[in-house]
């Protein structure tokens, strides 16, 4: 009798939760699974509120500027989702990649979590356009992979590219990453090691990306797990505050490398990811010829409307095709715009890929 009563309670709970959150009845198969598992009410509601179905429906109802197309969903789901366990101290994404939560203060609460597909708005470190751009780029890689991440932080896109390549049977992998913060570079070495990326596959460089080679100053973060928006500036030009208005207590002199210099050692780069805090148009424009000659796919994090316009002109004039675009977002502080969310542009090079 107790078993029957428990089953009835779970049935009613599931039916009400599905109608409340998803606006529809629960499927028979899901109901059977819940009767077996007997989740409590809060756990069930949390599961439904995190479901792709609810998130997609909410995005459409709110008129979100990012509502995934069917093609986006098919592209993301073309890669089998990691279904294994979580691990304390790490968050695992849908690829199974382990990210140490100590790298970023904002994700400490994700310790032990396993993420689903990055639908509809992306995951803790990348938006939907970046993920779709990465997976689309990887669909045009065969035999071997060369990926480059500039302003790499802890190297999430290098490891993601390598992980997808391995899932598709590609073992000849070369990863080149450039990061101006020594602390963040140390994170990148650890992230590669945590995900089975051999040092022989990687070339991780302590340097800033500049339009021309030469030494620059770079802030030293008070807390490297908190500050992910630092940018280089020319020697002697520090005003004590950075482009965001943040106080700069200490700087270090780092090597500045141009994209042209980095590409000189490569024959072909399958994926170039650039996120260099406002210098993207300047640095890409200065190297547009070697980029167009050697890079097949390009993903750029953007940090201003003028930058986005400059990239569209520069890359468009060079024959690149804009595949995806999300403008950066600002908030107004007493009438002055302050960058709130980075933008993203995804480009393909018709000379090197379909």
C-alpha atoms as a PDB file:
ATOM      1  CA  UNK A   1       0.000   0.000   0.000  1.00  0.00           C
ATOM      2  CA  UNK A   2       2.821   2.411   0.864  1.00  0.00           C
ATOM      3  CA  UNK A   3       4.457   1.722  -2.504  1.00  0.00           C
ATOM      4  CA  UNK A   4       1.204   2.385  -4.328  1.00  0.00           C
ATOM      5  CA  UNK A   5       0.650   5.620  -2.400  1.00  0.00           C
ATOM      6  CA  UNK A   6       4.224   6.781  -3.166  1.00  0.00           C
ATOM      7  CA  UNK A   7       3.725   6.022  -6.853  1.00  0.00           C
ATOM      8  CA  UNK A   8       0.492   7.997  -6.909  1.00  0.00           C
ATOM      9  CA  UNK A   9       2.153  10.948  -5.181  1.00  0.00           C
ATOM     10  CA  UNK A  10       5.036  10.940  -7.681  1.00  0.00           C
ATOM     11  CA  UNK A  11       2.574  10.738 -10.581  1.00  0.00           C
ATOM     12  CA  UNK A  12       0.617  13.753  -9.371  1.00  0.00           C
ATOM     13  CA  UNK A  13       3.825  15.654  -8.640  1.00  0.00           C
ATOM     14  CA  UNK A  14       5.196  14.980 -12.120  1.00  0.00           C
ATOM     15  CA  UNK A  15       1.955  15.890 -13.877  1.00  0.00           C
ATOM     16  CA  UNK A  16       1.638  19.176 -12.007  1.00  0.00           C
ATOM     17  CA  UNK A  17       5.306  20.102 -12.451  1.00  0.00           C
ATOM     18  CA  UNK A  18       5.249  19.444 -16.198  1.00  0.00           C
ATOM     19  CA  UNK A  19       2.096  21.479 -16.677  1.00  0.00           C
ATOM     20  CA  UNK A  20       3.416  24.318 -14.510  1.00  0.00           C
ATOM     21  CA  UNK A  21       6.855  24.589 -16.115  1.00  0.00           C
ATOM     22  CA  UNK A  22       6.458  23.182 -19.631  1.00  0.00           C
ATOM     23  CA  UNK A  23       2.730  23.649 -20.124  1.00  0.00           C
ATOM     24  CA  UNK A  24       2.122  20.083 -21.254  1.00  0.00           C
ATOM     25  CA  UNK A  25       1.564  16.569 -19.888  1.00  0.00           C
ATOM     26  CA  UNK A  26       4.469  14.373 -18.907  1.00  0.00           C
ATOM     27  CA  UNK A  27       5.393  11.613 -21.364  1.00  0.00           C
ATOM     28  CA  UNK A  28       4.710   8.063 -20.240  1.00  0.00           C
ATOM     29  CA  UNK A  29       8.379   7.070 -20.435  1.00  0.00           C
ATOM     30  CA  UNK A  30       9.472  10.054 -18.313  1.00  0.00           C
ATOM     31  CA  UNK A  31       6.699   9.379 -15.821  1.00  0.00           C
ATOM     32  CA  UNK A  32       7.820   5.770 -15.447  1.00  0.00           C
ATOM     33  CA  UNK A  33      11.430   6.886 -14.876  1.00  0.00           C
ATOM     34  CA  UNK A  34      10.323   9.361 -12.204  1.00  0.00           C
ATOM     35  CA  UNK A  35       8.195   6.781 -10.436  1.00  0.00           C
ATOM     36  CA  UNK A  36      11.345   4.664 -10.242  1.00  0.00           C
ATOM     37  CA  UNK A  37      13.599   7.543  -9.086  1.00  0.00           C
ATOM     38  CA  UNK A  38      11.029   9.345  -6.888  1.00  0.00           C
ATOM     39  CA  UNK A  39      12.592  12.849  -7.029  1.00  0.00           C
ATOM     40  CA  UNK A  40      11.513  15.441  -4.503  1.00  0.00           C
ATOM     41  CA  UNK A  41       9.559  18.441  -5.733  1.00  0.00           C
ATOM     42  CA  UNK A  42      12.441  20.934  -5.712  1.00  0.00           C
ATOM     43  CA  UNK A  43      14.744  18.585  -7.607  1.00  0.00           C
ATOM     44  CA  UNK A  44      12.104  17.961 -10.251  1.00  0.00           C
ATOM     45  CA  UNK A  45      11.349  21.659 -10.696  1.00  0.00           C
ATOM     46  CA  UNK A  46      15.050  22.451 -10.929  1.00  0.00           C
ATOM     47  CA  UNK A  47      15.505  19.799 -13.600  1.00  0.00           C
ATOM     48  CA  UNK A  48      12.626  21.159 -15.674  1.00  0.00           C
ATOM     49  CA  UNK A  49      13.731  24.795 -15.290  1.00  0.00           C
ATOM     50  CA  UNK A  50      17.170  23.842 -16.647  1.00  0.00           C
ATOM     51  CA  UNK A  51      15.794  21.777 -19.514  1.00  0.00           C
ATOM     52  CA  UNK A  52      16.393  22.783 -23.129  1.00  0.00           C
ATOM     53  CA  UNK A  53      12.654  22.759 -23.739  1.00  0.00           C
ATOM     54  CA  UNK A  54      11.960  25.346 -21.041  1.00  0.00           C
ATOM     55  CA  UNK A  55      14.941  27.543 -21.910  1.00  0.00           C
ATOM     56  CA  UNK A  56      14.098  27.598 -25.613  1.00  0.00           C
ATOM     57  CA  UNK A  57      10.455  28.367 -24.930  1.00  0.00           C
ATOM     58  CA  UNK A  58      11.414  31.186 -22.555  1.00  0.00           C
ATOM     59  CA  UNK A  59      13.809  32.691 -25.093  1.00  0.00           C
ATOM     60  CA  UNK A  60      11.089  32.718 -27.747  1.00  0.00           C
ATOM     61  CA  UNK A  61       8.473  34.172 -25.430  1.00  0.00           C
ATOM     62  CA  UNK A  62      10.800  36.952 -24.260  1.00  0.00           C
ATOM     63  CA  UNK A  63      11.804  37.819 -27.791  1.00  0.00           C
ATOM     64  CA  UNK A  64      15.452  36.991 -27.168  1.00  0.00           C
ATOM     65  CA  UNK A  65      17.915  38.171 -29.791  1.00  0.00           C
ATOM     66  CA  UNK A  66      19.411  34.667 -29.642  1.00  0.00           C
ATOM     67  CA  UNK A  67      16.870  31.966 -30.383  1.00  0.00           C
ATOM     68  CA  UNK A  68      18.617  28.905 -31.810  1.00  0.00           C
ATOM     69  CA  UNK A  69      17.508  27.756 -35.225  1.00  0.00           C
ATOM     70  CA  UNK A  70      16.831  24.114 -35.955  1.00  0.00           C
ATOM     71  CA  UNK A  71      20.156  24.052 -37.793  1.00  0.00           C
ATOM     72  CA  UNK A  72      21.907  25.381 -34.657  1.00  0.00           C
ATOM     73  CA  UNK A  73      20.311  22.696 -32.512  1.00  0.00           C
ATOM     74  CA  UNK A  74      21.222  19.956 -34.975  1.00  0.00           C
ATOM     75  CA  UNK A  75      24.807  21.236 -35.151  1.00  0.00           C
ATOM     76  CA  UNK A  76      25.259  21.301 -31.371  1.00  0.00           C
ATOM     77  CA  UNK A  77      23.626  17.897 -30.942  1.00  0.00           C
ATOM     78  CA  UNK A  78      25.772  16.348 -33.670  1.00  0.00           C
ATOM     79  CA  UNK A  79      28.295  15.703 -30.886  1.00  0.00           C
ATOM     80  CA  UNK A  80      27.246  13.106 -28.307  1.00  0.00           C
ATOM     81  CA  UNK A  81      26.741  14.709 -24.906  1.00  0.00           C
ATOM     82  CA  UNK A  82      28.859  13.645 -21.933  1.00  0.00           C
ATOM     83  CA  UNK A  83      26.621  11.639 -19.614  1.00  0.00           C
ATOM     84  CA  UNK A  84      29.127  10.647 -16.955  1.00  0.00           C
ATOM     85  CA  UNK A  85      29.379  11.755 -13.318  1.00  0.00           C
ATOM     86  CA  UNK A  86      30.444  15.113 -11.956  1.00  0.00           C
ATOM     87  CA  UNK A  87      33.593  15.658  -9.930  1.00  0.00           C
ATOM     88  CA  UNK A  88      34.093  17.928  -6.906  1.00  0.00           C
ATOM     89  CA  UNK A  89      36.260  20.922  -7.753  1.00  0.00           C
ATOM     90  CA  UNK A  90      35.437  20.787 -11.459  1.00  0.00           C
ATOM     91  CA  UNK A  91      32.558  21.623 -13.781  1.00  0.00           C
ATOM     92  CA  UNK A  92      32.157  19.375 -16.815  1.00  0.00           C
ATOM     93  CA  UNK A  93      30.630  20.714 -20.017  1.00  0.00           C
ATOM     94  CA  UNK A  94      28.680  18.736 -22.618  1.00  0.00           C
ATOM     95  CA  UNK A  95      31.943  17.526 -24.158  1.00  0.00           C
ATOM     96  CA  UNK A  96      33.099  16.142 -20.828  1.00  0.00           C
ATOM     97  CA  UNK A  97      35.835  18.769 -20.482  1.00  0.00           C
ATOM     98  CA  UNK A  98      36.908  19.315 -16.858  1.00  0.00           C
ATOM     99  CA  UNK A  99      37.320  22.976 -15.828  1.00  0.00           C
ATOM    100  CA  UNK A 100      38.800  23.697 -12.412  1.00  0.00           C
ATOM    101  CA  UNK A 101      36.347  26.053 -10.709  1.00  0.00           C
ATOM    102  CA  UNK A 102      39.264  27.828  -9.020  1.00  0.00           C
ATOM    103  CA  UNK A 103      40.109  29.406 -12.375  1.00  0.00           C
ATOM    104  CA  UNK A 104      37.050  31.695 -12.225  1.00  0.00           C
ATOM    105  CA  UNK A 105      35.501  32.943  -9.006  1.00  0.00           C
ATOM    106  CA  UNK A 106      32.082  33.197 -10.629  1.00  0.00           C
ATOM    107  CA  UNK A 107      31.881  29.434 -11.255  1.00  0.00           C
ATOM    108  CA  UNK A 108      32.908  28.133  -7.828  1.00  0.00           C
ATOM    109  CA  UNK A 109      29.256  27.240  -7.243  1.00  0.00           C
ATOM    110  CA  UNK A 110      29.392  24.873 -10.237  1.00  0.00           C
ATOM    111  CA  UNK A 111      31.750  22.484  -8.455  1.00  0.00           C
ATOM    112  CA  UNK A 112      30.623  18.946  -9.260  1.00  0.00           C
ATOM    113  CA  UNK A 113      28.138  20.066 -11.930  1.00  0.00           C
ATOM    114  CA  UNK A 114      27.701  18.447 -15.336  1.00  0.00           C
ATOM    115  CA  UNK A 115      26.357  20.841 -17.959  1.00  0.00           C
ATOM    116  CA  UNK A 116      23.953  19.976 -20.731  1.00  0.00           C
ATOM    117  CA  UNK A 117      24.217  21.265 -24.284  1.00  0.00           C
ATOM    118  CA  UNK A 118      24.901  25.044 -24.390  1.00  0.00           C
ATOM    119  CA  UNK A 119      21.330  25.811 -25.468  1.00  0.00           C
ATOM    120  CA  UNK A 120      19.902  28.418 -25.873  1.00  0.00           C
ATOM    121  CA  UNK A 121      22.443  30.986 -24.663  1.00  0.00           C
ATOM    122  CA  UNK A 122      25.719  29.110 -24.272  1.00  0.00           C
ATOM    123  CA  UNK A 123      27.463  27.889 -21.143  1.00  0.00           C
ATOM    124  CA  UNK A 124      29.568  29.397 -18.374  1.00  0.00           C
ATOM    125  CA  UNK A 125      32.365  30.566 -20.679  1.00  0.00           C
ATOM    126  CA  UNK A 126      31.030  30.745 -24.230  1.00  0.00           C
ATOM    127  CA  UNK A 127      27.874  31.847 -25.991  1.00  0.00           C
ATOM    128  CA  UNK A 128      25.907  29.866 -28.546  1.00  0.00           C
ATOM    129  CA  UNK A 129      27.536  31.580 -31.533  1.00  0.00           C
ATOM    130  CA  UNK A 130      31.011  30.642 -30.332  1.00  0.00           C
ATOM    131  CA  UNK A 131      30.033  27.026 -29.785  1.00  0.00           C
ATOM    132  CA  UNK A 132      28.310  26.772 -33.167  1.00  0.00           C
ATOM    133  CA  UNK A 133      31.292  28.475 -34.795  1.00  0.00           C
ATOM    134  CA  UNK A 134      33.687  26.009 -33.186  1.00  0.00           C
ATOM    135  CA  UNK A 135      31.701  22.912 -34.126  1.00  0.00           C
ATOM    136  CA  UNK A 136      31.127  24.168 -37.685  1.00  0.00           C
ATOM    137  CA  UNK A 137      34.857  24.850 -38.063  1.00  0.00           C
ATOM    138  CA  UNK A 138      35.663  21.360 -36.803  1.00  0.00           C
ATOM    139  CA  UNK A 139      33.368  19.820 -39.408  1.00  0.00           C
ATOM    140  CA  UNK A 140      35.810  21.112 -42.038  1.00  0.00           C
ATOM    141  CA  UNK A 141      38.891  19.607 -40.377  1.00  0.00           C
ATOM    142  CA  UNK A 142      40.275  16.291 -41.563  1.00  0.00           C
ATOM    143  CA  UNK A 143      43.503  14.426 -40.962  1.00  0.00           C
ATOM    144  CA  UNK A 144      45.059  16.943 -38.593  1.00  0.00           C
ATOM    145  CA  UNK A 145      44.108  20.008 -36.541  1.00  0.00           C
ATOM    146  CA  UNK A 146      45.894  23.302 -35.985  1.00  0.00           C
ATOM    147  CA  UNK A 147      44.033  25.637 -33.639  1.00  0.00           C
ATOM    148  CA  UNK A 148      45.153  28.989 -32.281  1.00  0.00           C
ATOM    149  CA  UNK A 149      43.636  30.946 -29.364  1.00  0.00           C
ATOM    150  CA  UNK A 150      44.823  34.519 -28.798  1.00  0.00           C
ATOM    151  CA  UNK A 151      43.984  36.036 -25.446  1.00  0.00           C
ATOM    152  CA  UNK A 152      43.352  32.470 -24.378  1.00  0.00           C
ATOM    153  CA  UNK A 153      42.779  32.831 -20.632  1.00  0.00           C
ATOM    154  CA  UNK A 154      42.811  29.235 -19.399  1.00  0.00           C
ATOM    155  CA  UNK A 155      42.583  27.919 -22.973  1.00  0.00           C
ATOM    156  CA  UNK A 156      38.964  26.701 -23.101  1.00  0.00           C
ATOM    157  CA  UNK A 157      38.634  26.866 -26.893  1.00  0.00           C
ATOM    158  CA  UNK A 158      41.929  25.086 -27.539  1.00  0.00           C
ATOM    159  CA  UNK A 159      40.899  22.204 -25.304  1.00  0.00           C
ATOM    160  CA  UNK A 160      37.388  22.155 -26.791  1.00  0.00           C
ATOM    161  CA  UNK A 161      38.784  21.999 -30.333  1.00  0.00           C
ATOM    162  CA  UNK A 162      41.168  19.196 -29.383  1.00  0.00           C
ATOM    163  CA  UNK A 163      38.388  17.285 -27.622  1.00  0.00           C
ATOM    164  CA  UNK A 164      36.105  17.436 -30.661  1.00  0.00           C
ATOM    165  CA  UNK A 165      38.991  16.458 -32.939  1.00  0.00           C
ATOM    166  CA  UNK A 166      39.711  13.391 -30.811  1.00  0.00           C
ATOM    167  CA  UNK A 167      36.052  12.411 -30.813  1.00  0.00           C
ATOM    168  CA  UNK A 168      36.286  12.392 -34.602  1.00  0.00           C
ATOM    169  CA  UNK A 169      39.418  10.279 -34.670  1.00  0.00           C
ATOM    170  CA  UNK A 170      41.935  13.067 -35.301  1.00  0.00           C
ATOM    171  CA  UNK A 171      45.131  12.576 -33.278  1.00  0.00           C
ATOM    172  CA  UNK A 172      47.546  14.890 -35.138  1.00  0.00           C
ATOM    173  CA  UNK A 173      46.788  18.015 -33.112  1.00  0.00           C
ATOM    174  CA  UNK A 174      48.731  21.260 -32.696  1.00  0.00           C
ATOM    175  CA  UNK A 175      47.461  23.910 -30.269  1.00  0.00           C
ATOM    176  CA  UNK A 176      48.946  27.412 -30.105  1.00  0.00           C
ATOM    177  CA  UNK A 177      47.822  29.737 -27.342  1.00  0.00           C
ATOM    178  CA  UNK A 178      48.940  33.245 -26.391  1.00  0.00           C
ATOM    179  CA  UNK A 179      48.169  34.874 -23.032  1.00  0.00           C
ATOM    180  CA  UNK A 180      49.643  38.034 -21.490  1.00  0.00           C
ATOM    181  CA  UNK A 181      48.823  37.191 -17.855  1.00  0.00           C
ATOM    182  CA  UNK A 182      51.314  34.762 -16.339  1.00  0.00           C
ATOM    183  CA  UNK A 183      48.691  33.620 -13.827  1.00  0.00           C
ATOM    184  CA  UNK A 184      46.208  32.851 -16.595  1.00  0.00           C
ATOM    185  CA  UNK A 185      48.917  31.112 -18.607  1.00  0.00           C
ATOM    186  CA  UNK A 186      49.509  28.846 -15.606  1.00  0.00           C
ATOM    187  CA  UNK A 187      45.771  28.106 -15.596  1.00  0.00           C
ATOM    188  CA  UNK A 188      46.007  27.142 -19.277  1.00  0.00           C
ATOM    189  CA  UNK A 189      48.841  24.682 -18.654  1.00  0.00           C
ATOM    190  CA  UNK A 190      46.801  23.124 -15.840  1.00  0.00           C
ATOM    191  CA  UNK A 191      43.627  23.001 -17.973  1.00  0.00           C
ATOM    192  CA  UNK A 192      45.422  21.135 -20.739  1.00  0.00           C
ATOM    193  CA  UNK A 193      46.902  18.673 -18.249  1.00  0.00           C
ATOM    194  CA  UNK A 194      43.526  18.176 -16.554  1.00  0.00           C
ATOM    195  CA  UNK A 195      42.060  17.100 -19.885  1.00  0.00           C
ATOM    196  CA  UNK A 196      44.799  14.821 -21.148  1.00  0.00           C
ATOM    197  CA  UNK A 197      46.376  17.280 -23.586  1.00  0.00           C
ATOM    198  CA  UNK A 198      50.050  16.391 -23.881  1.00  0.00           C
ATOM    199  CA  UNK A 199      52.583  19.223 -23.731  1.00  0.00           C
ATOM    200  CA  UNK A 200      53.957  18.011 -27.070  1.00  0.00           C
ATOM    201  CA  UNK A 201      50.669  19.094 -28.675  1.00  0.00           C
ATOM    202  CA  UNK A 202      50.795  22.617 -27.291  1.00  0.00           C
ATOM    203  CA  UNK A 203      52.737  25.815 -27.662  1.00  0.00           C
ATOM    204  CA  UNK A 204      51.511  28.172 -24.944  1.00  0.00           C
ATOM    205  CA  UNK A 205      53.204  31.573 -25.053  1.00  0.00           C
ATOM    206  CA  UNK A 206      53.461  34.321 -22.436  1.00  0.00           C
ATOM    207  CA  UNK A 207      52.848  37.397 -24.589  1.00  0.00           C
ATOM    208  CA  UNK A 208      50.307  40.017 -25.551  1.00  0.00           C
ATOM    209  CA  UNK A 209      48.792  40.251 -29.020  1.00  0.00           C
ATOM    210  CA  UNK A 210      49.786  43.526 -30.673  1.00  0.00           C
ATOM    211  CA  UNK A 211      49.549  45.031 -34.137  1.00  0.00           C
ATOM    212  CA  UNK A 212      53.365  45.068 -34.369  1.00  0.00           C
ATOM    213  CA  UNK A 213      56.000  43.156 -32.412  1.00  0.00           C
ATOM    214  CA  UNK A 214      57.405  44.954 -29.365  1.00  0.00           C
ATOM    215  CA  UNK A 215      57.237  45.061 -25.580  1.00  0.00           C
ATOM    216  CA  UNK A 216      54.084  46.361 -23.858  1.00  0.00           C
ATOM    217  CA  UNK A 217      52.806  46.724 -20.317  1.00  0.00           C
ATOM    218  CA  UNK A 218      50.175  44.401 -18.936  1.00  0.00           C
ATOM    219  CA  UNK A 219      48.340  44.618 -15.598  1.00  0.00           C
ATOM    220  CA  UNK A 220      49.028  42.103 -12.838  1.00  0.00           C
ATOM    221  CA  UNK A 221      45.648  41.126 -11.399  1.00  0.00           C
ATOM    222  CA  UNK A 222      45.020  41.420  -7.672  1.00  0.00           C
ATOM    223  CA  UNK A 223      42.983  38.218  -8.045  1.00  0.00           C
ATOM    224  CA  UNK A 224      43.568  36.374 -11.352  1.00  0.00           C
ATOM    225  CA  UNK A 225      40.423  34.279 -10.848  1.00  0.00           C
ATOM    226  CA  UNK A 226      38.349  37.468 -10.680  1.00  0.00           C
ATOM    227  CA  UNK A 227      39.733  39.696 -13.428  1.00  0.00           C
ATOM    228  CA  UNK A 228      39.286  38.373 -16.953  1.00  0.00           C
ATOM    229  CA  UNK A 229      39.118  41.717 -18.772  1.00  0.00           C
ATOM    230  CA  UNK A 230      42.677  43.024 -18.607  1.00  0.00           C
ATOM    231  CA  UNK A 231      44.261  44.590 -21.688  1.00  0.00           C
ATOM    232  CA  UNK A 232      47.762  45.599 -22.738  1.00  0.00           C
ATOM    233  CA  UNK A 233      48.878  49.188 -23.241  1.00  0.00           C
ATOM    234  CA  UNK A 234      52.000  50.848 -24.575  1.00  0.00           C
ATOM    235  CA  UNK A 235      54.872  51.367 -22.183  1.00  0.00           C
ATOM    236  CA  UNK A 236      54.628  54.591 -20.248  1.00  0.00           C
ATOM    237  CA  UNK A 237      51.001  55.237 -21.194  1.00  0.00           C
ATOM    238  CA  UNK A 238      49.402  53.927 -18.013  1.00  0.00           C
ATOM    239  CA  UNK A 239      47.212  56.459 -16.227  1.00  0.00           C
ATOM    240  CA  UNK A 240      46.762  54.245 -13.186  1.00  0.00           C
ATOM    241  CA  UNK A 241      43.425  52.983 -14.531  1.00  0.00           C
ATOM    242  CA  UNK A 242      42.592  50.639 -17.410  1.00  0.00           C
ATOM    243  CA  UNK A 243      40.115  51.054 -20.272  1.00  0.00           C
ATOM    244  CA  UNK A 244      37.294  49.955 -17.935  1.00  0.00           C
ATOM    245  CA  UNK A 245      38.207  52.495 -15.285  1.00  0.00           C
ATOM    246  CA  UNK A 246      39.600  49.789 -12.992  1.00  0.00           C
ATOM    247  CA  UNK A 247      42.554  50.711 -10.787  1.00  0.00           C
ATOM    248  CA  UNK A 248      45.857  49.221 -12.004  1.00  0.00           C
ATOM    249  CA  UNK A 249      48.115  48.634  -9.007  1.00  0.00           C
ATOM    250  CA  UNK A 250      50.918  46.787 -10.749  1.00  0.00           C
ATOM    251  CA  UNK A 251      52.069  46.021 -14.291  1.00  0.00           C
ATOM    252  CA  UNK A 252      54.666  43.820 -15.916  1.00  0.00           C
ATOM    253  CA  UNK A 253      56.529  44.193 -19.181  1.00  0.00           C
ATOM    254  CA  UNK A 254      55.556  41.435 -21.618  1.00  0.00           C
ATOM    255  CA  UNK A 255      56.468  40.613 -25.179  1.00  0.00           C
ATOM    256  CA  UNK A 256      54.031  41.848 -27.803  1.00  0.00           C
ATOM    257  CA  UNK A 257      53.533  39.528 -30.769  1.00  0.00           C
ATOM    258  CA  UNK A 258      51.646  40.295 -33.953  1.00  0.00           C
ATOM    259  CA  UNK A 259      49.292  37.795 -35.533  1.00  0.00           C
ATOM    260  CA  UNK A 260      51.494  37.915 -38.639  1.00  0.00           C
ATOM    261  CA  UNK A 261      54.493  36.765 -36.601  1.00  0.00           C
ATOM    262  CA  UNK A 262      52.541  33.881 -35.099  1.00  0.00           C
ATOM    263  CA  UNK A 263      51.187  32.781 -38.481  1.00  0.00           C
ATOM    264  CA  UNK A 264      54.646  32.882 -40.098  1.00  0.00           C
ATOM    265  CA  UNK A 265      55.377  29.486 -38.515  1.00  0.00           C
ATOM    266  CA  UNK A 266      52.158  27.880 -39.748  1.00  0.00           C
ATOM    267  CA  UNK A 267      51.095  26.548 -43.133  1.00  0.00           C
ATOM    268  CA  UNK A 268      47.389  26.405 -42.306  1.00  0.00           C
ATOM    269  CA  UNK A 269      45.340  27.225 -39.206  1.00  0.00           C
ATOM    270  CA  UNK A 270      41.966  25.495 -39.085  1.00  0.00           C
ATOM    271  CA  UNK A 271      40.602  27.692 -36.296  1.00  0.00           C
ATOM    272  CA  UNK A 272      41.711  31.079 -34.971  1.00  0.00           C
ATOM    273  CA  UNK A 273      39.925  32.370 -31.843  1.00  0.00           C
ATOM    274  CA  UNK A 274      40.674  35.988 -30.874  1.00  0.00           C
ATOM    275  CA  UNK A 275      39.569  37.659 -27.628  1.00  0.00           C
ATOM    276  CA  UNK A 276      41.955  40.522 -26.862  1.00  0.00           C
ATOM    277  CA  UNK A 277      39.843  43.110 -25.056  1.00  0.00           C
ATOM    278  CA  UNK A 278      39.362  45.868 -27.588  1.00  0.00           C
ATOM    279  CA  UNK A 279      42.470  45.408 -29.770  1.00  0.00           C
ATOM    280  CA  UNK A 280      40.850  42.891 -32.132  1.00  0.00           C
ATOM    281  CA  UNK A 281      40.195  45.174 -35.121  1.00  0.00           C
ATOM    282  CA  UNK A 282      43.621  46.795 -34.941  1.00  0.00           C
ATOM    283  CA  UNK A 283      45.510  43.502 -34.686  1.00  0.00           C
ATOM    284  CA  UNK A 284      43.453  41.588 -37.253  1.00  0.00           C
ATOM    285  CA  UNK A 285      43.605  44.512 -39.683  1.00  0.00           C
ATOM    286  CA  UNK A 286      47.389  44.669 -39.407  1.00  0.00           C
ATOM    287  CA  UNK A 287      47.654  40.966 -40.336  1.00  0.00           C
ATOM    288  CA  UNK A 288      44.759  40.583 -42.774  1.00  0.00           C
ATOM    289  CA  UNK A 289      46.950  39.217 -45.601  1.00  0.00           C
ATOM    290  CA  UNK A 290      48.490  36.255 -43.723  1.00  0.00           C
ATOM    291  CA  UNK A 291      45.170  35.629 -41.957  1.00  0.00           C
ATOM    292  CA  UNK A 292      43.397  35.391 -45.309  1.00  0.00           C
ATOM    293  CA  UNK A 293      46.157  33.211 -46.717  1.00  0.00           C
ATOM    294  CA  UNK A 294      46.337  30.667 -43.878  1.00  0.00           C
ATOM    295  CA  UNK A 295      43.260  30.742 -41.602  1.00  0.00           C
ATOM    296  CA  UNK A 296      40.144  28.753 -42.509  1.00  0.00           C
ATOM    297  CA  UNK A 297      37.764  29.762 -39.674  1.00  0.00           C
ATOM    298  CA  UNK A 298      37.838  32.795 -37.392  1.00  0.00           C
ATOM    299  CA  UNK A 299      35.940  33.522 -34.154  1.00  0.00           C
ATOM    300  CA  UNK A 300      36.331  37.003 -32.644  1.00  0.00           C
ATOM    301  CA  UNK A 301      35.147  38.315 -29.308  1.00  0.00           C
ATOM    302  CA  UNK A 302      34.220  41.985 -29.809  1.00  0.00           C
ATOM    303  CA  UNK A 303      34.283  44.860 -27.331  1.00  0.00           C
ATOM    304  CA  UNK A 304      32.775  47.865 -29.090  1.00  0.00           C
ATOM    305  CA  UNK A 305      30.463  48.885 -31.940  1.00  0.00           C
ATOM    306  CA  UNK A 306      33.218  50.691 -33.840  1.00  0.00           C
ATOM    307  CA  UNK A 307      35.356  47.561 -33.537  1.00  0.00           C
ATOM    308  CA  UNK A 308      32.548  45.394 -34.922  1.00  0.00           C
ATOM    309  CA  UNK A 309      32.081  47.763 -37.864  1.00  0.00           C
ATOM    310  CA  UNK A 310      35.832  47.842 -38.561  1.00  0.00           C
ATOM    311  CA  UNK A 311      36.031  44.038 -38.547  1.00  0.00           C
ATOM    312  CA  UNK A 312      33.107  43.751 -40.949  1.00  0.00           C
ATOM    313  CA  UNK A 313      34.773  46.159 -43.350  1.00  0.00           C
ATOM    314  CA  UNK A 314      38.254  44.657 -43.079  1.00  0.00           C
ATOM    315  CA  UNK A 315      37.295  40.992 -43.319  1.00  0.00           C
ATOM    316  CA  UNK A 316      34.467  41.579 -45.791  1.00  0.00           C
ATOM    317  CA  UNK A 317      36.759  43.501 -48.137  1.00  0.00           C
ATOM    318  CA  UNK A 318      39.271  40.632 -47.900  1.00  0.00           C
ATOM    319  CA  UNK A 319      36.659  38.150 -49.135  1.00  0.00           C
ATOM    320  CA  UNK A 320      35.691  36.560 -45.826  1.00  0.00           C
ATOM    321  CA  UNK A 321      32.066  35.519 -45.208  1.00  0.00           C
ATOM    322  CA  UNK A 322      30.338  36.482 -41.963  1.00  0.00           C
ATOM    323  CA  UNK A 323      28.524  33.388 -40.705  1.00  0.00           C
ATOM    324  CA  UNK A 324      27.285  34.500 -37.280  1.00  0.00           C
ATOM    325  CA  UNK A 325      27.172  37.822 -35.473  1.00  0.00           C
ATOM    326  CA  UNK A 326      26.046  39.009 -32.059  1.00  0.00           C
ATOM    327  CA  UNK A 327      26.676  42.662 -31.140  1.00  0.00           C
ATOM    328  CA  UNK A 328      28.188  43.539 -27.798  1.00  0.00           C
ATOM    329  CA  UNK A 329      25.819  44.941 -25.187  1.00  0.00           C
ATOM    330  CA  UNK A 330      26.190  48.012 -23.008  1.00  0.00           C
ATOM    331  CA  UNK A 331      24.597  49.479 -19.926  1.00  0.00           C
ATOM    332  CA  UNK A 332      24.263  53.214 -19.413  1.00  0.00           C
ATOM    333  CA  UNK A 333      26.006  54.735 -16.403  1.00  0.00           C
ATOM    334  CA  UNK A 334      24.871  58.330 -16.114  1.00  0.00           C
ATOM    335  CA  UNK A 335      24.553  58.516 -19.879  1.00  0.00           C
ATOM    336  CA  UNK A 336      27.898  56.830 -20.577  1.00  0.00           C
ATOM    337  CA  UNK A 337      27.988  53.346 -22.145  1.00  0.00           C
ATOM    338  CA  UNK A 338      29.822  50.651 -20.196  1.00  0.00           C
ATOM    339  CA  UNK A 339      30.477  47.285 -21.859  1.00  0.00           C
ATOM    340  CA  UNK A 340      28.247  44.678 -20.249  1.00  0.00           C
ATOM    341  CA  UNK A 341      28.480  41.623 -22.534  1.00  0.00           C
ATOM    342  CA  UNK A 342      31.073  40.913 -25.231  1.00  0.00           C
ATOM    343  CA  UNK A 343      29.908  40.489 -28.795  1.00  0.00           C
ATOM    344  CA  UNK A 344      30.932  37.735 -31.186  1.00  0.00           C
ATOM    345  CA  UNK A 345      31.631  37.430 -34.897  1.00  0.00           C
ATOM    346  CA  UNK A 346      32.176  34.105 -36.668  1.00  0.00           C
ATOM    347  CA  UNK A 347      33.794  34.178 -40.112  1.00  0.00           C
ATOM    348  CA  UNK A 348      34.769  31.590 -42.724  1.00  0.00           C
ATOM    349  CA  UNK A 349      37.387  31.871 -45.435  1.00  0.00           C
ATOM    350  CA  UNK A 350      35.922  30.628 -48.756  1.00  0.00           C
ATOM    351  CA  UNK A 351      39.421  30.153 -50.147  1.00  0.00           C
ATOM    352  CA  UNK A 352      40.217  27.475 -47.562  1.00  0.00           C
ATOM    353  CA  UNK A 353      36.884  25.881 -46.625  1.00  0.00           C
ATOM    354  CA  UNK A 354      33.326  25.479 -47.824  1.00  0.00           C
END
